[in-house]
PDB file of all heavy atoms in Angstrom:
ATOM      1  N   PRO A   1     123.075  18.797-118.890  1.00  0.00           N
ATOM      2  CA  PRO A   1     121.829  19.185-119.585  1.00  0.00           C
ATOM      3  C   PRO A   1     122.137  19.659-120.997  1.00  0.00           C
ATOM      4  O   PRO A   1     123.155  20.305-121.241  1.00  0.00           O
ATOM      5  CB  PRO A   1     121.279  20.316-118.705  1.00  0.00           C
ATOM      6  CG  PRO A   1     122.445  20.810-117.910  1.00  0.00           C
ATOM      7  CD  PRO A   1     123.330  19.629-117.697  1.00  0.00           C
ATOM      8  N   THR A   2     121.269  19.308-121.920  1.00  0.00           N
ATOM      9  CA  THR A   2     121.510  19.622-123.333  1.00  0.00           C
ATOM     10  C   THR A   2     120.649  20.773-123.842  1.00  0.00           C
ATOM     11  O   THR A   2     120.828  21.223-124.965  1.00  0.00           O
ATOM     12  CB  THR A   2     121.223  18.374-124.192  1.00  0.00           C
ATOM     13  OG1 THR A   2     119.873  17.929-123.928  1.00  0.00           O
ATOM     14  CG2 THR A   2     122.190  17.255-123.841  1.00  0.00           C
ATOM     15  N   GLY A   3     119.678  21.204-123.031  1.00  0.00           N
ATOM     16  CA  GLY A   3     118.829  22.300-123.463  1.00  0.00           C
ATOM     17  C   GLY A   3     117.636  21.846-124.270  1.00  0.00           C
ATOM     18  O   GLY A   3     116.763  22.643-124.613  1.00  0.00           O
ATOM     19  N   ASP A   4     117.557  20.558-124.593  1.00  0.00           N
ATOM     20  CA  ASP A   4     116.394  20.039-125.319  1.00  0.00           C
ATOM     21  C   ASP A   4     115.526  19.235-124.356  1.00  0.00           C
ATOM     22  O   ASP A   4     115.631  19.372-123.137  1.00  0.00           O
ATOM     23  CB  ASP A   4     116.832  19.175-126.508  1.00  0.00           C
ATOM     24  CG  ASP A   4     117.811  18.084-126.087  1.00  0.00           C
ATOM     25  OD1 ASP A   4     117.820  17.739-124.884  1.00  0.00           O
ATOM     26  OD2 ASP A   4     118.538  17.572-126.940  1.00  0.00           O
ATOM     27  N   ASP A   5     114.663  18.398-124.877  1.00  0.00           N
ATOM     28  CA  ASP A   5     113.760  17.622-124.032  1.00  0.00           C
ATOM     29  C   ASP A   5     114.307  16.236-123.707  1.00  0.00           C
ATOM     30  O   ASP A   5     113.559  15.330-123.367  1.00  0.00           O
ATOM     31  CB  ASP A   5     112.391  17.476-124.724  1.00  0.00           C
ATOM     32  CG  ASP A   5     111.630  18.777-124.759  1.00  0.00           C
ATOM     33  OD1 ASP A   5     111.975  19.661-123.954  1.00  0.00           O
ATOM     34  OD2 ASP A   5     110.708  18.904-125.573  1.00  0.00           O
ATOM     35  N   MET A   6     115.606  16.070-123.780  1.00  0.00           N
ATOM     36  CA  MET A   6     116.200  14.767-123.543  1.00  0.00           C
ATOM     37  C   MET A   6     116.799  14.628-122.145  1.00  0.00           C
ATOM     38  O   MET A   6     116.875  13.537-121.599  1.00  0.00           O
ATOM     39  CB  MET A   6     117.294  14.496-124.586  1.00  0.00           C
ATOM     40  CG  MET A   6     116.797  14.558-126.026  1.00  0.00           C
ATOM     41  SD  MET A   6     115.532  13.324-126.369  1.00  0.00           S
ATOM     42  CE  MET A   6     116.524  11.841-126.276  1.00  0.00           C
ATOM     43  N   VAL A   7     117.230  15.754-121.555  1.00  0.00           N
ATOM     44  CA  VAL A   7     117.914  15.737-120.260  1.00  0.00           C
ATOM     45  C   VAL A   7     117.336  16.852-119.391  1.00  0.00           C
ATOM     46  O   VAL A   7     117.132  17.967-119.866  1.00  0.00           O
ATOM     47  CB  VAL A   7     119.441  15.943-120.435  1.00  0.00           C
ATOM     48  CG1 VAL A   7     120.154  15.862-119.082  1.00  0.00           C
ATOM     49  CG2 VAL A   7     120.018  14.920-121.406  1.00  0.00           C
ATOM     50  N   PRO A   8     117.048  16.586-118.109  1.00  0.00           N
ATOM     51  CA  PRO A   8     116.529  17.632-117.228  1.00  0.00           C
ATOM     52  C   PRO A   8     117.583  18.704-116.948  1.00  0.00           C
ATOM     53  O   PRO A   8     118.775  18.477-117.197  1.00  0.00           O
ATOM     54  CB  PRO A   8     116.148  16.869-115.959  1.00  0.00           C
ATOM     55  CG  PRO A   8     117.023  15.658-115.970  1.00  0.00           C
ATOM     56  CD  PRO A   8     117.181  15.292-117.421  1.00  0.00           C
ATOM     57  N   PRO A   9     117.193  19.858-116.420  1.00  0.00           N
ATOM     58  CA  PRO A   9     118.143  20.967-116.192  1.00  0.00           C
ATOM     59  C   PRO A   9     119.314  20.604-115.286  1.00  0.00           C
ATOM     60  O   PRO A   9     120.388  21.180-115.412  1.00  0.00           O
ATOM     61  CB  PRO A   9     117.268  22.039-115.533  1.00  0.00           C
ATOM     62  CG  PRO A   9     115.888  21.762-116.023  1.00  0.00           C
ATOM     63  CD  PRO A   9     115.798  20.278-116.139  1.00  0.00           C
ATOM     64  N   CYS A  10     119.127  19.642-114.385  1.00  0.00           N
ATOM     65  CA  CYS A  10     120.218  19.259-113.481  1.00  0.00           C
ATOM     66  C   CYS A  10     121.161  18.245-114.113  1.00  0.00           C
ATOM     67  O   CYS A  10     122.258  18.003-113.600  1.00  0.00           O
ATOM     68  CB  CYS A  10     119.646  18.685-112.190  1.00  0.00           C
ATOM     69  SG  CYS A  10     118.673  17.181-112.440  1.00  0.00           S
ATOM     70  N   GLY A  11     120.735  17.616-115.222  1.00  0.00           N
ATOM     71  CA  GLY A  11     121.507  16.553-115.836  1.00  0.00           C
ATOM     72  C   GLY A  11     121.133  15.191-115.268  1.00  0.00           C
ATOM     73  O   GLY A  11     120.248  15.074-114.414  1.00  0.00           O
ATOM     74  N   PHE A  12     121.807  14.142-115.739  1.00  0.00           N
ATOM     75  CA  PHE A  12     121.636  12.796-115.214  1.00  0.00           C
ATOM     76  C   PHE A  12     122.865  12.429-114.391  1.00  0.00           C
ATOM     77  O   PHE A  12     123.987  12.839-114.715  1.00  0.00           O
ATOM     78  CB  PHE A  12     121.486  11.766-116.338  1.00  0.00           C
ATOM     79  CG  PHE A  12     120.202  11.874-117.117  1.00  0.00           C
ATOM     80  CD1 PHE A  12     120.210  11.812-118.513  1.00  0.00           C
ATOM     81  CD2 PHE A  12     118.985  12.023-116.471  1.00  0.00           C
ATOM     82  CE1 PHE A  12     119.028  11.891-119.234  1.00  0.00           C
ATOM     83  CE2 PHE A  12     117.806  12.104-117.185  1.00  0.00           C
ATOM     84  CZ  PHE A  12     117.822  12.042-118.569  1.00  0.00           C
ATOM     85  N   GLY A  13     122.661  11.633-113.348  1.00  0.00           N
ATOM     86  CA  GLY A  13     123.781  11.192-112.536  1.00  0.00           C
ATOM     87  C   GLY A  13     123.368  10.997-111.094  1.00  0.00           C
ATOM     88  O   GLY A  13     122.186  10.811-110.782  1.00  0.00           O
ATOM     89  N   SER A  14     124.348  11.059-110.183  1.00  0.00           N
ATOM     90  CA  SER A  14     124.105  10.872-108.748  1.00  0.00           C
ATOM     91  C   SER A  14     124.081  12.224-108.048  1.00  0.00           C
ATOM     92  O   SER A  14     124.944  13.077-108.291  1.00  0.00           O
ATOM     93  CB  SER A  14     125.204   9.986-108.140  1.00  0.00           C
ATOM     94  OG  SER A  14     125.189   8.707-108.733  1.00  0.00           O
ATOM     95  N   PHE A  15     123.101  12.396-107.155  1.00  0.00           N
ATOM     96  CA  PHE A  15     122.886  13.687-106.505  1.00  0.00           C
ATOM     97  C   PHE A  15     122.572  13.514-105.023  1.00  0.00           C
ATOM     98  O   PHE A  15     122.140  12.444-104.583  1.00  0.00           O
ATOM     99  CB  PHE A  15     121.715  14.429-107.164  1.00  0.00           C
ATOM    100  CG  PHE A  15     121.929  14.760-108.620  1.00  0.00           C
ATOM    101  CD1 PHE A  15     121.651  13.825-109.611  1.00  0.00           C
ATOM    102  CD2 PHE A  15     122.426  15.993-109.003  1.00  0.00           C
ATOM    103  CE1 PHE A  15     121.850  14.115-110.948  1.00  0.00           C
ATOM    104  CE2 PHE A  15     122.635  16.300-110.343  1.00  0.00           C
ATOM    105  CZ  PHE A  15     122.341  15.363-111.313  1.00  0.00           C
ATOM    106  N   HIS A  16     122.780  14.605-104.284  1.00  0.00           N
ATOM    107  CA  HIS A  16     122.320  14.717-102.905  1.00  0.00           C
ATOM    108  C   HIS A  16     121.303  15.852-102.869  1.00  0.00           C
ATOM    109  O   HIS A  16     121.596  16.968-103.297  1.00  0.00           O
ATOM    110  CB  HIS A  16     123.472  15.016-101.951  1.00  0.00           C
ATOM    111  CG  HIS A  16     124.360  13.846-101.702  1.00  0.00           C
ATOM    112  ND1 HIS A  16     125.307  13.815-100.714  1.00  0.00           N
ATOM    113  CD2 HIS A  16     124.435  12.632-102.319  1.00  0.00           C
ATOM    114  CE1 HIS A  16     125.940  12.655-100.722  1.00  0.00           C
ATOM    115  NE2 HIS A  16     125.427  11.921-101.703  1.00  0.00           N
ATOM    116  N   GLN A  17     120.114  15.542-102.379  1.00  0.00           N
ATOM    117  CA  GLN A  17     119.064  16.551-102.257  1.00  0.00           C
ATOM    118  C   GLN A  17     118.996  17.002-100.796  1.00  0.00           C
ATOM    119  O   GLN A  17     118.616  16.225 -99.921  1.00  0.00           O
ATOM    120  CB  GLN A  17     117.708  15.988-102.707  1.00  0.00           C
ATOM    121  CG  GLN A  17     116.618  17.043-102.791  1.00  0.00           C
ATOM    122  CD  GLN A  17     115.569  16.708-103.836  1.00  0.00           C
ATOM    123  OE1 GLN A  17     115.752  16.951-105.027  1.00  0.00           O
ATOM    124  NE2 GLN A  17     114.456  16.153-103.404  1.00  0.00           N
ATOM    125  N   GLN A  18     119.389  18.243-100.545  1.00  0.00           N
ATOM    126  CA  GLN A  18     119.470  18.766 -99.188  1.00  0.00           C
ATOM    127  C   GLN A  18     118.178  19.492 -98.812  1.00  0.00           C
ATOM    128  O   GLN A  18     117.640  20.264 -99.609  1.00  0.00           O
ATOM    129  CB  GLN A  18     120.641  19.737 -99.050  1.00  0.00           C
ATOM    130  CG  GLN A  18     121.999  19.130 -99.313  1.00  0.00           C
ATOM    131  CD  GLN A  18     123.118  20.160 -99.177  1.00  0.00           C
ATOM    132  OE1 GLN A  18     122.911  21.352 -99.388  1.00  0.00           O
ATOM    133  NE2 GLN A  18     124.299  19.702 -98.809  1.00  0.00           N
ATOM    134  N   TYR A  19     117.716  19.241 -97.592  1.00  0.00           N
ATOM    135  CA  TYR A  19     116.566  19.935 -97.031  1.00  0.00           C
ATOM    136  C   TYR A  19     117.095  20.862 -95.938  1.00  0.00           C
ATOM    137  O   TYR A  19     117.651  20.398 -94.932  1.00  0.00           O
ATOM    138  CB  TYR A  19     115.553  18.943 -96.469  1.00  0.00           C
ATOM    139  CG  TYR A  19     114.952  18.046 -97.527  1.00  0.00           C
ATOM    140  CD1 TYR A  19     115.645  16.923 -97.991  1.00  0.00           C
ATOM    141  CD2 TYR A  19     113.707  18.324 -98.080  1.00  0.00           C
ATOM    142  CE1 TYR A  19     115.110  16.108 -98.979  1.00  0.00           C
ATOM    143  CE2 TYR A  19     113.164  17.509 -99.067  1.00  0.00           C
ATOM    144  CZ  TYR A  19     113.867  16.410 -99.512  1.00  0.00           C
ATOM    145  OH  TYR A  19     113.336  15.607-100.487  1.00  0.00           O
ATOM    146  N   VAL A  20     116.937  22.161 -96.164  1.00  0.00           N
ATOM    147  CA  VAL A  20     117.518  23.168 -95.281  1.00  0.00           C
ATOM    148  C   VAL A  20     116.412  24.088 -94.768  1.00  0.00           C
ATOM    149  O   VAL A  20     115.642  24.647 -95.556  1.00  0.00           O
ATOM    150  CB  VAL A  20     118.590  23.998 -96.020  1.00  0.00           C
ATOM    151  CG1 VAL A  20     119.209  25.035 -95.089  1.00  0.00           C
ATOM    152  CG2 VAL A  20     119.670  23.082 -96.598  1.00  0.00           C
ATOM    153  N   ILE A  21     116.321  24.242 -93.449  1.00  0.00           N
ATOM    154  CA  ILE A  21     115.345  25.152 -92.849  1.00  0.00           C
ATOM    155  C   ILE A  21     116.087  26.249 -92.106  1.00  0.00           C
ATOM    156  O   ILE A  21     116.871  25.984 -91.193  1.00  0.00           O
ATOM    157  CB  ILE A  21     114.390  24.405 -91.893  1.00  0.00           C
ATOM    158  CG1 ILE A  21     113.488  23.468 -92.695  1.00  0.00           C
ATOM    159  CG2 ILE A  21     113.539  25.391 -91.100  1.00  0.00           C
ATOM    160  CD1 ILE A  21     112.454  22.731 -91.867  1.00  0.00           C
ATOM    161  N   ASP A  22     115.853  27.486 -92.541  1.00  0.00           N
ATOM    162  CA  ASP A  22     116.497  28.663 -91.943  1.00  0.00           C
ATOM    163  C   ASP A  22     118.009  28.479 -91.858  1.00  0.00           C
ATOM    164  O   ASP A  22     118.645  28.784 -90.843  1.00  0.00           O
ATOM    165  CB  ASP A  22     115.921  28.949 -90.551  1.00  0.00           C
ATOM    166  CG  ASP A  22     114.486  29.455 -90.613  1.00  0.00           C
ATOM    167  OD1 ASP A  22     114.049  29.862 -91.705  1.00  0.00           O
ATOM    168  OD2 ASP A  22     113.801  29.433 -89.578  1.00  0.00           O
ATOM    169  N   GLY A  23     118.581  27.928 -92.947  1.00  0.00           N
ATOM    170  CA  GLY A  23     120.028  27.778 -93.023  1.00  0.00           C
ATOM    171  C   GLY A  23     120.581  26.536 -92.360  1.00  0.00           C
ATOM    172  O   GLY A  23     121.786  26.279 -92.457  1.00  0.00           O
ATOM    173  N   LYS A  24     119.753  25.730 -91.694  1.00  0.00           N
ATOM    174  CA  LYS A  24     120.237  24.525 -91.017  1.00  0.00           C
ATOM    175  C   LYS A  24     119.848  23.284 -91.811  1.00  0.00           C
ATOM    176  O   LYS A  24     118.692  23.102 -92.179  1.00  0.00           O
ATOM    177  CB  LYS A  24     119.654  24.437 -89.607  1.00  0.00           C
ATOM    178  CG  LYS A  24     120.140  23.198 -88.849  1.00  0.00           C
ATOM    179  CD  LYS A  24     119.509  23.091 -87.474  1.00  0.00           C
ATOM    180  CE  LYS A  24     119.976  21.823 -86.764  1.00  0.00           C
ATOM    181  NZ  LYS A  24     119.355  21.655 -85.440  1.00  0.00           N
ATOM    182  N   LEU A  25     120.810  22.406 -92.056  1.00  0.00           N
ATOM    183  CA  LEU A  25     120.575  21.157 -92.776  1.00  0.00           C
ATOM    184  C   LEU A  25     119.818  20.192 -91.875  1.00  0.00           C
ATOM    185  O   LEU A  25     120.278  19.864 -90.779  1.00  0.00           O
ATOM    186  CB  LEU A  25     121.905  20.548 -93.208  1.00  0.00           C
ATOM    187  CG  LEU A  25     121.845  19.273 -94.061  1.00  0.00           C
ATOM    188  CD1 LEU A  25     121.274  19.590 -95.438  1.00  0.00           C
ATOM    189  CD2 LEU A  25     123.239  18.661 -94.199  1.00  0.00           C
ATOM    190  N   ILE A  26     118.632  19.739 -92.317  1.00  0.00           N
ATOM    191  CA  ILE A  26     117.823  18.830 -91.494  1.00  0.00           C
ATOM    192  C   ILE A  26     117.689  17.442 -92.113  1.00  0.00           C
ATOM    193  O   ILE A  26     117.337  16.491 -91.408  1.00  0.00           O
ATOM    194  CB  ILE A  26     116.426  19.405 -91.234  1.00  0.00           C
ATOM    195  CG1 ILE A  26     115.633  19.517 -92.542  1.00  0.00           C
ATOM    196  CG2 ILE A  26     116.500  20.743 -90.514  1.00  0.00           C
ATOM    197  CD1 ILE A  26     114.141  19.683 -92.330  1.00  0.00           C
ATOM    198  N   ALA A  27     117.951  17.294 -93.419  1.00  0.00           N
ATOM    199  CA  ALA A  27     117.824  15.979 -94.064  1.00  0.00           C
ATOM    200  C   ALA A  27     118.568  15.989 -95.386  1.00  0.00           C
ATOM    201  O   ALA A  27     118.732  17.052 -96.013  1.00  0.00           O
ATOM    202  CB  ALA A  27     116.357  15.612 -94.286  1.00  0.00           C
ATOM    203  N   VAL A  28     119.001  14.800 -95.817  1.00  0.00           N
ATOM    204  CA  VAL A  28     119.676  14.644 -97.108  1.00  0.00           C
ATOM    205  C   VAL A  28     119.147  13.380 -97.777  1.00  0.00           C
ATOM    206  O   VAL A  28     119.191  12.292 -97.195  1.00  0.00           O
ATOM    207  CB  VAL A  28     121.203  14.541 -96.951  1.00  0.00           C
ATOM    208  CG1 VAL A  28     121.858  14.306 -98.319  1.00  0.00           C
ATOM    209  CG2 VAL A  28     121.776  15.777 -96.295  1.00  0.00           C
TER     210      VAL A  28
END
């Protein structure tokens, strides 16, 4: 992330988005 309006706060690239309920991983 560059801090301007060009790149989102997470940056660009490959990611895993984890869904966690009460500490347990239920989906990725």
